[in-house]
Amino acid sequence: MFRTWRCVRYATIQLVFRKNVKRNYTGNSDYGGRQHVLTLSRTRGTPSTSTDLKEALCEKIPIHYDLLRNFRRQHGPYVVSRITVENMYQGLSGVNTMVRETSETDPKYGIKYRGLTIPEVVTLLPRQGKSPSAEAVFWLLLTGDVPTQEQTASLIADWTTRRQKRKDWWSGPGGGIVGSVLRTLPKTTTPLGRLSIALAVFDSSKHTKDALRDRASSHTHWEYTYEDSMELLATLPAIVGLVAKAEGSRDVKEEGDWVHFLVECLCNASQISESRKKSMLDFLRLYVTVNADEDGGVPAVHVTEILGASQLDINQALAAGVLAYADEPETGTMTQYMEFQTKIQVLLGQESKVDNLKNYMTLIAKDKLIGYKETNFCDPRYTALTNYVKENIPDDSNVKLSQAITQILTTMMKTAKGRIVYPEQSTIAAPVFQSYGLKDMKFNQVLLCMSRALGAVASIIWTRAVNAPVERPASKCTYTYLDSIQGTQRKRKREKYVKHFQK
């Protein structure tokens, strides 16, 4: 019976997916002669029909706990990765040493949320306007299910109610408790620094503290973490608005989805014109969707996940990881890319001719490129944002220059021996943000951090639900490793000599 139902559900999703592909994902990542082929991944387990997210999660946790217990019992001794000396001194880059349930990086298709590629996520999730809503993405990350429109609407209503309960922390002419703290900071404090302080100040641990005080059973702690997390996420757009301008917001419309509330706070703070709001909403929803989570090995995500597994309050875990976003991604932040593009504009002019661009690019060393990296495929996040640009702001001069630079660089590097260079999403996101009036690229790093909070919170909740331990790997100095390896080599030589002598 279950198998039959599962097959019917899978066929239904396939039908919806194929119907929406043409309408919603018509682009490709053909910057290296390779077309991204859309294939539908299977979501794991039976989808919940509850419109209450906590109830849906309660259905998932026992099943996943049984999976973990059986997996560890049957395959505990199995070797997953081998770590070499070179791996250790390269920061364990690319070595499988972590568990993160919400997402993973696929070597062929990039980041996947719960087994779904970015094109599948963009196509399948319920929409607000032209793009998926943040609430739908969070539901997927937390439960593994593609939510229905009703489930998404339920979470939107839940977050709206929760942020109203915490109004004293963010609302009013002075920006509430958080705003009063941010106003005392020196002007030299960066936007990410302001966000870190705001999160550290925001009290989102009431339910967890009550549980510890009342000595609640350890297997129920995740429920209190869930409640604290929901209040924090619901209020986060208001906190980001205060980071933009600490004086606070008046007459902010609190209804609507997560990104709509964010735009209300930003428009109030930055005087963004009403005519740009609708288009900005669609872009920000898409930006949040494609950046809602990242591989657990990324420094900012890794720090948050480690601290999230401890008894640290969830707002403090997020606050600790915020500052690491100052250098995210490692190929160049949005600030660094816009400085790179502005330099080209100053040298060659806004309407730079292709030949002039090509001549300039030949003078740039590969290791000096900002926002590009060697890889086997174009980041699907870049492709998703580019498709949005083609449909909505195709004539923006900054965006057109960015695309021209990308086209030239990818073509040039493709012809060079052994070099395939693709653009990172920062090369398209930065000029689009500027087009919408969000010209402070250091603040736009806050929006990246805010997006990643969805995956970080979902991962922390799961960490508490399965009572996962804090990472505690052992460390030794170089001399100890060297002595150990040399001792092992001497032992092997002796054994080899003895065997040879015995023959």
Protein backbone atom coordinates (compact mmCIF):
# COMPACT_ATOMS: atom_id res chain seq x y z
CA MET A 1 0.00 0.00 0.00
CA PHE A 2 2.80 2.42 0.98
CA ARG A 3 4.78 1.63 -2.16
CA THR A 4 1.74 2.30 -4.35
CA TRP A 5 1.04 5.60 -2.61
CA ARG A 6 4.69 6.63 -2.91
CA CYS A 7 4.72 5.91 -6.65
CA VAL A 8 1.52 7.93 -7.16
CA ARG A 9 2.97 10.84 -5.24
CA TYR A 10 6.23 10.72 -7.18
CA ALA A 11 4.38 10.65 -10.50
CA THR A 12 2.26 13.64 -9.40
CA ILE A 13 5.35 15.67 -8.46
CA GLN A 14 6.96 14.78 -11.79
CA LEU A 15 3.89 16.06 -13.62
CA VAL A 16 3.89 19.34 -11.71
CA PHE A 17 7.64 19.67 -12.20
CA ARG A 18 7.52 19.16 -15.97
CA LYS A 19 4.60 21.57 -16.25
CA ASN A 20 6.51 24.31 -14.40
CA VAL A 21 9.98 23.85 -15.88
CA LYS A 22 9.24 25.81 -19.06
CA ARG A 23 7.47 28.55 -17.18
CA ASN A 24 9.88 28.99 -14.29
CA TYR A 25 13.31 27.70 -15.31
CA THR A 26 14.07 28.39 -18.93
CA GLY A 27 17.75 29.24 -18.55
CA ASN A 28 20.85 27.10 -18.50
CA SER A 29 24.34 27.20 -17.12
CA ASP A 30 25.99 27.05 -20.51
CA TYR A 31 29.14 29.04 -19.72
CA GLY A 32 31.43 26.16 -20.56
CA GLY A 33 29.60 24.28 -23.27
CA ARG A 34 27.69 22.16 -20.76
CA GLN A 35 23.92 22.29 -20.38
CA HIS A 36 22.44 21.62 -16.95
CA VAL A 37 19.94 18.79 -17.31
CA LEU A 38 16.99 19.04 -14.93
CA THR A 39 16.16 15.81 -13.18
CA LEU A 40 13.72 15.38 -10.34
CA SER A 41 15.18 14.01 -7.14
CA ARG A 42 13.11 11.94 -4.75
CA THR A 43 12.38 13.56 -1.41
CA ARG A 44 12.95 11.21 1.49
CA GLY A 45 10.16 9.56 3.46
CA THR A 46 6.42 10.07 3.64
CA PRO A 47 5.42 13.75 3.42
CA SER A 48 3.42 15.12 6.33
CA THR A 49 -0.10 16.41 5.72
CA SER A 50 -0.12 18.59 8.86
CA THR A 51 -0.23 22.35 8.38
CA ASP A 52 1.58 22.79 11.71
CA LEU A 53 5.36 22.71 11.19
CA LYS A 54 6.10 21.41 14.66
CA GLU A 55 3.63 18.54 14.24
CA ALA A 56 5.17 17.71 10.85
CA LEU A 57 8.60 17.66 12.45
CA CYS A 58 7.38 15.42 15.26
CA GLU A 59 6.43 12.86 12.61
CA LYS A 60 9.94 12.96 11.11
CA ILE A 61 12.17 12.80 14.19
CA PRO A 62 11.38 9.22 15.42
CA ILE A 63 11.81 7.84 11.89
CA HIS A 64 15.13 9.60 11.42
CA TYR A 65 16.30 8.55 14.88
CA ASP A 66 15.63 4.90 14.00
CA LEU A 67 17.52 5.39 10.72
CA LEU A 68 20.56 6.76 12.58
CA ARG A 69 20.50 4.01 15.19
CA ASN A 70 20.30 1.22 12.61
CA PHE A 71 22.87 2.88 10.35
CA ARG A 72 25.40 3.21 13.16
CA ARG A 73 24.77 -0.31 14.45
CA GLN A 74 25.13 -1.95 11.04
CA HIS A 75 27.85 0.23 9.49
CA GLY A 76 29.64 1.81 12.45
CA PRO A 77 33.12 0.43 11.56
CA TYR A 78 32.84 1.37 7.87
CA VAL A 79 35.57 3.79 6.73
CA VAL A 80 34.06 6.90 5.08
CA SER A 81 37.17 9.01 4.47
CA ARG A 82 40.93 8.65 4.61
CA ILE A 83 42.81 11.70 5.89
CA THR A 84 46.34 12.33 4.66
CA VAL A 85 48.98 14.67 6.03
CA GLU A 86 48.34 16.97 3.08
CA ASN A 87 44.60 17.01 3.91
CA MET A 88 45.34 18.22 7.43
CA TYR A 89 47.47 21.10 6.23
CA GLN A 90 44.87 22.05 3.60
CA GLY A 91 42.14 22.49 6.19
CA LEU A 92 40.50 19.11 5.40
CA SER A 93 39.17 20.70 2.22
CA GLY A 94 36.85 18.28 0.43
CA VAL A 95 37.21 15.53 3.06
CA ASN A 96 33.93 13.99 4.27
CA THR A 97 34.07 14.41 8.05
CA MET A 98 30.72 16.00 8.96
CA VAL A 99 27.01 15.24 9.03
CA ARG A 100 24.52 17.90 7.94
CA GLU A 101 20.96 16.77 7.26
CA THR A 102 19.64 19.94 5.63
CA SER A 103 21.89 20.14 2.58
CA GLU A 104 24.99 18.82 0.84
CA THR A 105 27.19 19.71 -2.11
CA ASP A 106 26.85 17.45 -5.12
CA PRO A 107 30.00 17.21 -7.30
CA LYS A 108 27.88 17.46 -10.45
CA TYR A 109 24.99 19.81 -9.60
CA GLY A 110 26.19 21.93 -6.69
CA ILE A 111 24.26 22.56 -3.48
CA LYS A 112 21.24 20.35 -2.82
CA TYR A 113 18.51 20.96 -0.26
CA ARG A 114 17.26 17.65 1.10
CA GLY A 115 18.23 15.91 -2.15
CA LEU A 116 16.72 18.58 -4.45
CA THR A 117 18.89 20.64 -6.79
CA ILE A 118 18.50 24.41 -6.93
CA PRO A 119 16.49 24.28 -10.22
CA GLU A 120 14.16 21.73 -8.62
CA VAL A 121 13.78 23.85 -5.48
CA VAL A 122 13.00 26.97 -7.51
CA THR A 123 10.45 25.07 -9.57
CA LEU A 124 8.69 22.94 -6.97
CA LEU A 125 8.29 25.20 -3.93
CA PRO A 126 5.13 27.29 -3.44
CA ARG A 127 5.47 30.87 -4.61
CA GLN A 128 4.87 34.36 -3.34
CA GLY A 129 4.86 36.50 -6.45
CA LYS A 130 7.30 35.06 -8.99
CA SER A 131 9.65 33.34 -6.55
CA PRO A 132 9.46 30.72 -3.78
CA SER A 133 8.83 32.04 -0.29
CA ALA A 134 11.39 31.79 2.51
CA GLU A 135 8.83 29.95 4.62
CA ALA A 136 8.53 27.23 1.97
CA VAL A 137 12.32 26.85 1.83
CA PHE A 138 12.53 26.57 5.61
CA TRP A 139 9.78 23.94 5.66
CA LEU A 140 11.75 21.92 3.11
CA LEU A 141 15.04 22.26 5.01
CA LEU A 142 13.49 21.31 8.33
CA THR A 143 11.24 18.42 7.30
CA GLY A 144 12.57 17.23 3.94
CA ASP A 145 9.10 17.71 2.43
CA VAL A 146 8.10 20.05 -0.40
CA PRO A 147 5.34 21.96 1.41
CA THR A 148 1.88 22.64 0.06
CA GLN A 149 0.51 26.14 -0.34
CA GLU A 150 -1.57 25.60 2.81
CA GLN A 151 1.44 24.51 4.84
CA THR A 152 3.41 27.52 3.64
CA ALA A 153 0.57 29.90 4.48
CA SER A 154 0.36 28.38 7.96
CA LEU A 155 4.04 29.07 8.63
CA ILE A 156 3.69 32.63 7.29
CA ALA A 157 0.85 33.23 9.76
CA ASP A 158 2.85 31.63 12.58
CA TRP A 159 5.89 33.87 12.06
CA THR A 160 3.67 36.96 11.78
CA THR A 161 2.15 36.18 15.19
CA ARG A 162 5.51 35.43 16.80
CA ARG A 163 7.17 38.66 15.67
CA GLN A 164 4.27 40.66 17.12
CA LYS A 165 4.88 39.00 20.51
CA ARG A 166 8.48 40.26 20.51
CA LYS A 167 7.65 43.79 19.40
CA ASP A 168 9.34 45.44 22.38
CA TRP A 169 12.69 44.23 21.03
CA TRP A 170 12.48 45.89 17.60
CA SER A 171 9.47 48.19 17.20
CA GLY A 172 8.94 51.89 17.76
CA PRO A 173 10.76 55.14 16.91
CA GLY A 174 13.86 54.07 18.83
CA GLY A 175 13.98 50.54 17.44
CA GLY A 176 13.08 48.89 20.75
CA ILE A 177 15.69 47.18 22.92
CA VAL A 178 17.88 46.10 19.99
CA GLY A 179 17.75 49.53 18.37
CA SER A 180 18.77 51.27 21.61
CA VAL A 181 21.90 49.09 21.78
CA LEU A 182 22.81 49.57 18.11
CA ARG A 183 22.61 53.37 18.47
CA THR A 184 25.42 53.29 21.03
CA LEU A 185 27.88 51.63 18.63
CA PRO A 186 30.61 53.68 16.91
CA LYS A 187 30.01 54.48 13.25
CA THR A 188 33.04 52.41 12.28
CA THR A 189 31.22 49.19 13.28
CA THR A 190 30.54 47.16 10.13
CA PRO A 191 27.02 45.97 9.25
CA LEU A 192 28.02 42.38 10.05
CA GLY A 193 29.44 43.56 13.37
CA ARG A 194 26.16 45.33 14.11
CA LEU A 195 24.18 42.20 13.23
CA SER A 196 26.38 40.05 15.47
CA ILE A 197 25.83 42.40 18.41
CA ALA A 198 22.09 42.64 17.70
CA LEU A 199 21.75 38.86 17.70
CA ALA A 200 23.82 38.52 20.86
CA VAL A 201 21.57 41.07 22.59
CA PHE A 202 18.27 39.61 21.40
CA ASP A 203 16.90 37.27 24.07
CA SER A 204 15.67 34.19 22.21
CA SER A 205 16.32 31.56 24.86
CA LYS A 206 13.27 31.91 27.12
CA HIS A 207 11.81 28.48 26.37
CA THR A 208 15.15 26.67 26.60
CA LYS A 209 15.97 28.31 29.95
CA ASP A 210 12.56 27.32 31.27
CA ALA A 211 13.18 23.73 30.18
CA LEU A 212 16.56 23.60 31.93
CA ARG A 213 15.16 25.20 35.07
CA ASP A 214 12.26 22.74 35.17
CA ARG A 215 14.63 19.82 34.41
CA ALA A 216 12.75 18.73 31.31
CA SER A 217 13.77 15.40 29.79
CA SER A 218 16.74 15.72 27.44
CA HIS A 219 14.84 14.13 24.56
CA THR A 220 12.33 17.02 24.69
CA HIS A 221 14.93 19.83 24.62
CA TRP A 222 14.59 20.20 20.85
CA GLU A 223 10.97 21.34 21.31
CA TYR A 224 12.10 24.33 23.37
CA THR A 225 14.89 25.04 20.91
CA TYR A 226 12.26 24.97 18.18
CA GLU A 227 10.11 27.58 19.97
CA ASP A 228 13.08 29.89 20.55
CA SER A 229 14.22 29.43 16.95
CA MET A 230 10.84 30.30 15.50
CA GLU A 231 10.69 33.54 17.49
CA LEU A 232 14.20 34.46 16.38
CA LEU A 233 13.57 33.75 12.69
CA ALA A 234 10.24 35.57 12.77
CA THR A 235 11.94 38.68 14.20
CA LEU A 236 15.16 38.51 12.15
CA PRO A 237 13.95 40.77 9.27
CA ALA A 238 13.22 43.52 11.80
CA ILE A 239 16.69 43.11 13.32
CA VAL A 240 18.24 43.38 9.84
CA GLY A 241 16.19 46.55 9.27
CA LEU A 242 17.66 47.99 12.48
CA VAL A 243 21.16 47.06 11.31
CA ALA A 244 20.45 49.14 8.19
CA LYS A 245 19.33 52.08 10.32
CA ALA A 246 19.19 51.86 14.10
CA GLU A 247 16.62 54.67 14.59
CA GLY A 248 13.84 52.12 14.11
CA SER A 249 10.83 51.84 11.84
CA ARG A 250 7.40 53.41 11.99
CA ASP A 251 4.22 52.15 10.39
CA VAL A 252 5.82 48.90 9.22
CA LYS A 253 3.28 46.45 7.80
CA GLU A 254 3.79 43.25 9.77
CA GLU A 255 1.55 41.01 7.70
CA GLY A 256 2.89 39.14 4.71
CA ASP A 257 5.69 36.65 4.32
CA TRP A 258 9.23 36.83 5.73
CA VAL A 259 10.78 38.69 2.78
CA HIS A 260 7.83 41.07 2.47
CA PHE A 261 8.35 42.05 6.11
CA LEU A 262 12.08 42.50 5.41
CA VAL A 263 11.42 44.80 2.47
CA GLU A 264 8.97 46.83 4.58
CA CYS A 265 11.72 47.34 7.16
CA LEU A 266 14.34 48.17 4.53
CA CYS A 267 12.10 50.51 2.55
CA ASN A 268 11.22 52.31 5.74
CA ALA A 269 14.90 52.58 6.61
CA SER A 270 16.32 53.30 3.16
CA GLN A 271 13.45 55.19 1.49
CA ILE A 272 13.27 52.76 -1.41
CA SER A 273 10.62 53.84 -3.90
CA GLU A 274 7.27 52.06 -3.92
CA SER A 275 7.59 51.35 -7.64
CA ARG A 276 10.62 49.14 -6.98
CA LYS A 277 9.15 47.14 -4.10
CA LYS A 278 7.35 44.47 -6.07
CA SER A 279 10.32 43.64 -8.29
CA MET A 280 12.67 43.78 -5.31
CA LEU A 281 10.43 41.35 -3.45
CA ASP A 282 10.68 38.79 -6.25
CA PHE A 283 14.45 39.12 -6.43
CA LEU A 284 15.02 38.94 -2.67
CA ARG A 285 12.77 35.88 -2.37
CA LEU A 286 14.81 34.18 -5.07
CA TYR A 287 18.09 35.29 -3.48
CA VAL A 288 17.00 33.93 -0.09
CA THR A 289 15.86 30.68 -1.70
CA VAL A 290 19.16 29.93 -3.44
CA ASN A 291 21.21 30.99 -0.40
CA ALA A 292 19.12 29.43 2.36
CA ASP A 293 21.82 26.90 3.20
CA GLU A 294 25.40 25.99 2.39
CA ASP A 295 27.84 23.15 2.81
CA GLY A 296 28.67 22.59 6.49
CA GLY A 297 32.39 23.01 5.86
CA VAL A 298 32.07 26.73 5.01
CA PRO A 299 33.64 28.58 7.99
CA ALA A 300 30.58 30.64 8.96
CA VAL A 301 28.26 27.63 8.71
CA HIS A 302 30.72 25.35 10.49
CA VAL A 303 31.14 27.71 13.45
CA THR A 304 27.39 28.07 13.84
CA GLU A 305 26.81 24.33 13.64
CA ILE A 306 29.47 23.52 16.25
CA LEU A 307 28.10 26.07 18.71
CA GLY A 308 24.54 25.06 17.90
CA ALA A 309 25.32 21.55 19.13
CA SER A 310 26.39 22.96 22.49
CA GLN A 311 24.09 24.39 25.12
CA LEU A 312 24.69 27.88 23.76
CA ASP A 313 21.56 29.95 23.11
CA ILE A 314 20.58 29.82 19.44
CA ASN A 315 20.90 33.59 18.98
CA GLN A 316 24.46 33.42 20.35
CA ALA A 317 25.34 30.54 18.04
CA LEU A 318 24.19 32.61 15.06
CA ALA A 319 25.92 35.74 16.38
CA ALA A 320 29.25 33.87 16.60
CA GLY A 321 29.11 32.77 12.96
CA VAL A 322 28.03 36.14 11.54
CA LEU A 323 31.48 37.74 11.44
CA ALA A 324 32.86 34.93 9.25
CA TYR A 325 30.61 36.16 6.44
CA ALA A 326 32.96 39.13 5.95
CA ASP A 327 35.00 36.90 3.61
CA GLU A 328 32.19 34.88 2.04
CA PRO A 329 32.58 33.55 -0.59
CA GLU A 330 36.32 32.98 -0.63
CA THR A 331 36.58 33.95 -4.31
CA GLY A 332 35.45 37.47 -3.47
CA THR A 333 32.65 39.23 -1.63
CA MET A 334 30.07 41.45 -3.30
CA THR A 335 32.06 44.48 -2.12
CA GLN A 336 35.25 43.17 -3.72
CA TYR A 337 33.49 42.30 -6.96
CA MET A 338 31.87 45.73 -7.32
CA GLU A 339 35.26 47.35 -6.72
CA PHE A 340 36.63 45.13 -9.51
CA GLN A 341 33.80 46.08 -11.87
CA THR A 342 33.97 49.77 -10.95
CA LYS A 343 37.67 49.79 -11.77
CA ILE A 344 36.84 48.49 -15.25
CA GLN A 345 34.14 51.15 -15.66
CA VAL A 346 36.56 53.92 -14.71
CA LEU A 347 39.22 52.66 -17.11
CA LEU A 348 37.02 51.73 -20.05
CA GLY A 349 33.75 53.58 -19.53
CA GLN A 350 30.22 52.44 -18.71
CA GLU A 351 29.47 51.26 -22.25
CA SER A 352 32.72 49.38 -22.72
CA LYS A 353 33.24 47.82 -26.12
CA VAL A 354 33.82 44.07 -26.26
CA ASP A 355 37.28 44.45 -27.82
CA ASN A 356 38.38 46.85 -25.07
CA LEU A 357 37.10 44.46 -22.41
CA LYS A 358 38.94 41.53 -24.00
CA ASN A 359 42.18 43.48 -24.16
CA TYR A 360 41.87 44.44 -20.50
CA MET A 361 41.01 40.90 -19.37
CA THR A 362 44.12 39.47 -21.02
CA LEU A 363 46.20 41.63 -18.67
CA ILE A 364 44.59 40.24 -15.51
CA ALA A 365 46.32 37.28 -13.88
CA LYS A 366 44.03 34.36 -13.10
CA ASP A 367 44.71 34.57 -9.37
CA LYS A 368 43.62 38.24 -9.42
CA LEU A 369 40.10 37.48 -10.70
CA ILE A 370 37.34 38.44 -8.26
CA GLY A 371 34.15 36.38 -8.19
CA TYR A 372 35.34 33.53 -10.43
CA LYS A 373 36.75 30.10 -9.71
CA GLU A 374 37.92 26.94 -11.44
CA THR A 375 35.23 24.27 -11.28
CA ASN A 376 33.51 21.67 -13.43
CA PHE A 377 30.14 23.41 -13.70
CA CYS A 378 28.47 26.78 -13.30
CA ASP A 379 26.99 27.38 -9.86
CA PRO A 380 23.20 26.84 -10.22
CA ARG A 381 22.65 29.79 -7.88
CA TYR A 382 24.31 32.04 -10.43
CA THR A 383 22.16 30.54 -13.17
CA ALA A 384 18.94 31.06 -11.21
CA LEU A 385 19.77 34.73 -10.55
CA THR A 386 20.80 35.25 -14.19
CA ASN A 387 17.48 33.86 -15.39
CA TYR A 388 15.72 36.37 -13.15
CA VAL A 389 17.78 39.21 -14.62
CA LYS A 390 16.98 38.22 -18.20
CA GLU A 391 13.27 38.38 -17.47
CA ASN A 392 13.06 41.39 -15.17
CA ILE A 393 15.97 43.84 -15.58
CA PRO A 394 17.70 42.93 -18.86
CA ASP A 395 18.72 46.51 -19.71
CA ASP A 396 20.43 47.53 -16.46
CA SER A 397 23.88 48.84 -17.41
CA ASN A 398 25.75 47.42 -14.39
CA VAL A 399 24.17 44.00 -14.89
CA LYS A 400 24.98 44.04 -18.62
CA LEU A 401 28.62 44.93 -17.91
CA SER A 402 28.85 42.09 -15.37
CA GLN A 403 27.46 39.62 -17.91
CA ALA A 404 29.82 40.88 -20.60
CA ILE A 405 32.81 40.41 -18.31
CA THR A 406 31.62 36.91 -17.42
CA GLN A 407 31.11 35.93 -21.05
CA ILE A 408 34.58 37.11 -22.03
CA LEU A 409 36.35 35.50 -19.06
CA THR A 410 34.65 32.13 -19.39
CA THR A 411 35.41 32.03 -23.12
CA MET A 412 39.03 33.06 -22.65
CA MET A 413 39.71 30.63 -19.81
CA LYS A 414 37.94 27.82 -21.64
CA THR A 415 40.44 28.08 -24.48
CA ALA A 416 43.44 28.03 -22.12
CA LYS A 417 44.87 24.58 -21.41
CA GLY A 418 43.33 22.94 -18.35
CA ARG A 419 41.53 26.06 -17.14
CA ILE A 420 37.76 26.24 -16.80
CA VAL A 421 36.55 29.32 -14.95
CA TYR A 422 32.94 29.95 -13.94
CA PRO A 423 31.31 32.94 -12.23
CA GLU A 424 30.18 32.95 -8.60
CA GLN A 425 26.76 34.32 -7.76
CA SER A 426 28.29 37.47 -6.23
CA THR A 427 29.15 38.66 -9.76
CA ILE A 428 25.46 38.92 -10.63
CA ALA A 429 23.91 39.53 -7.20
CA ALA A 430 26.03 42.61 -6.48
CA PRO A 431 24.97 44.64 -9.56
CA VAL A 432 21.34 43.57 -9.09
CA PHE A 433 21.37 44.80 -5.49
CA GLN A 434 22.84 48.07 -6.73
CA SER A 435 20.11 48.31 -9.36
CA TYR A 436 17.48 48.13 -6.61
CA GLY A 437 19.13 50.88 -4.60
CA LEU A 438 20.93 48.63 -2.11
CA LYS A 439 24.34 50.06 -2.92
CA ASP A 440 26.08 49.30 0.38
CA MET A 441 27.66 45.95 -0.47
CA LYS A 442 28.88 45.45 3.09
CA PHE A 443 25.26 45.61 4.22
CA ASN A 444 24.28 43.21 1.44
CA GLN A 445 26.56 40.64 3.12
CA VAL A 446 24.06 40.86 5.99
CA LEU A 447 21.32 39.74 3.58
CA LEU A 448 23.46 36.71 2.63
CA CYS A 449 23.94 35.94 6.31
CA MET A 450 20.21 36.35 6.95
CA SER A 451 19.41 33.89 4.16
CA ARG A 452 21.80 31.29 5.57
CA ALA A 453 20.13 31.60 8.97
CA LEU A 454 17.28 29.44 7.61
CA GLY A 455 19.55 26.44 7.05
CA ALA A 456 21.56 27.12 10.20
CA VAL A 457 18.48 27.12 12.42
CA ALA A 458 17.03 24.03 10.74
CA SER A 459 20.33 22.21 11.25
CA ILE A 460 20.57 23.26 14.93
CA ILE A 461 17.04 22.02 15.60
CA TRP A 462 17.93 18.64 14.10
CA THR A 463 21.18 18.54 16.06
CA ARG A 464 19.22 18.97 19.29
CA ALA A 465 16.49 16.54 18.16
CA VAL A 466 18.92 13.63 17.68
CA ASN A 467 21.13 14.77 20.57
CA ALA A 468 24.18 15.00 18.33
CA PRO A 469 27.46 15.60 20.19
CA VAL A 470 29.66 18.66 19.81
CA GLU A 471 32.65 18.06 17.53
CA ARG A 472 35.70 17.29 19.68
CA PRO A 473 38.50 16.07 17.37
CA ALA A 474 41.96 15.53 18.84
CA SER A 475 44.89 17.74 17.86
CA LYS A 476 48.66 17.21 17.88
CA CYS A 477 51.64 19.33 16.88
CA THR A 478 53.61 18.79 13.66
CA TYR A 479 56.54 17.15 15.47
CA THR A 480 54.26 14.55 17.05
CA TYR A 481 52.74 13.68 13.68
CA LEU A 482 56.21 13.52 12.14
CA ASP A 483 57.56 11.21 14.88
CA SER A 484 54.50 8.98 14.57
CA ILE A 485 54.82 8.64 10.79
CA GLN A 486 58.59 8.04 10.93
CA GLY A 487 58.07 5.43 13.65
CA THR A 488 55.48 3.65 11.53
CA GLN A 489 57.79 3.69 8.51
CA ARG A 490 60.70 2.22 10.53
CA LYS A 491 58.40 -0.50 11.86
CA ARG A 492 57.26 -1.43 8.34
CA LYS A 493 60.87 -1.58 7.13
CA ARG A 494 61.82 -3.92 9.98
CA GLU A 495 58.83 -6.16 9.26
CA LYS A 496 59.73 -6.25 5.58
CA TYR A 497 63.35 -7.11 6.39
CA VAL A 498 62.33 -9.91 8.78
CA LYS A 499 59.98 -11.45 6.22
CA HIS A 500 62.69 -11.28 3.55
CA PHE A 501 65.27 -12.89 5.91
CA GLN A 502 62.87 -15.69 6.88
CA LYS A 503 62.45 -16.62 3.22
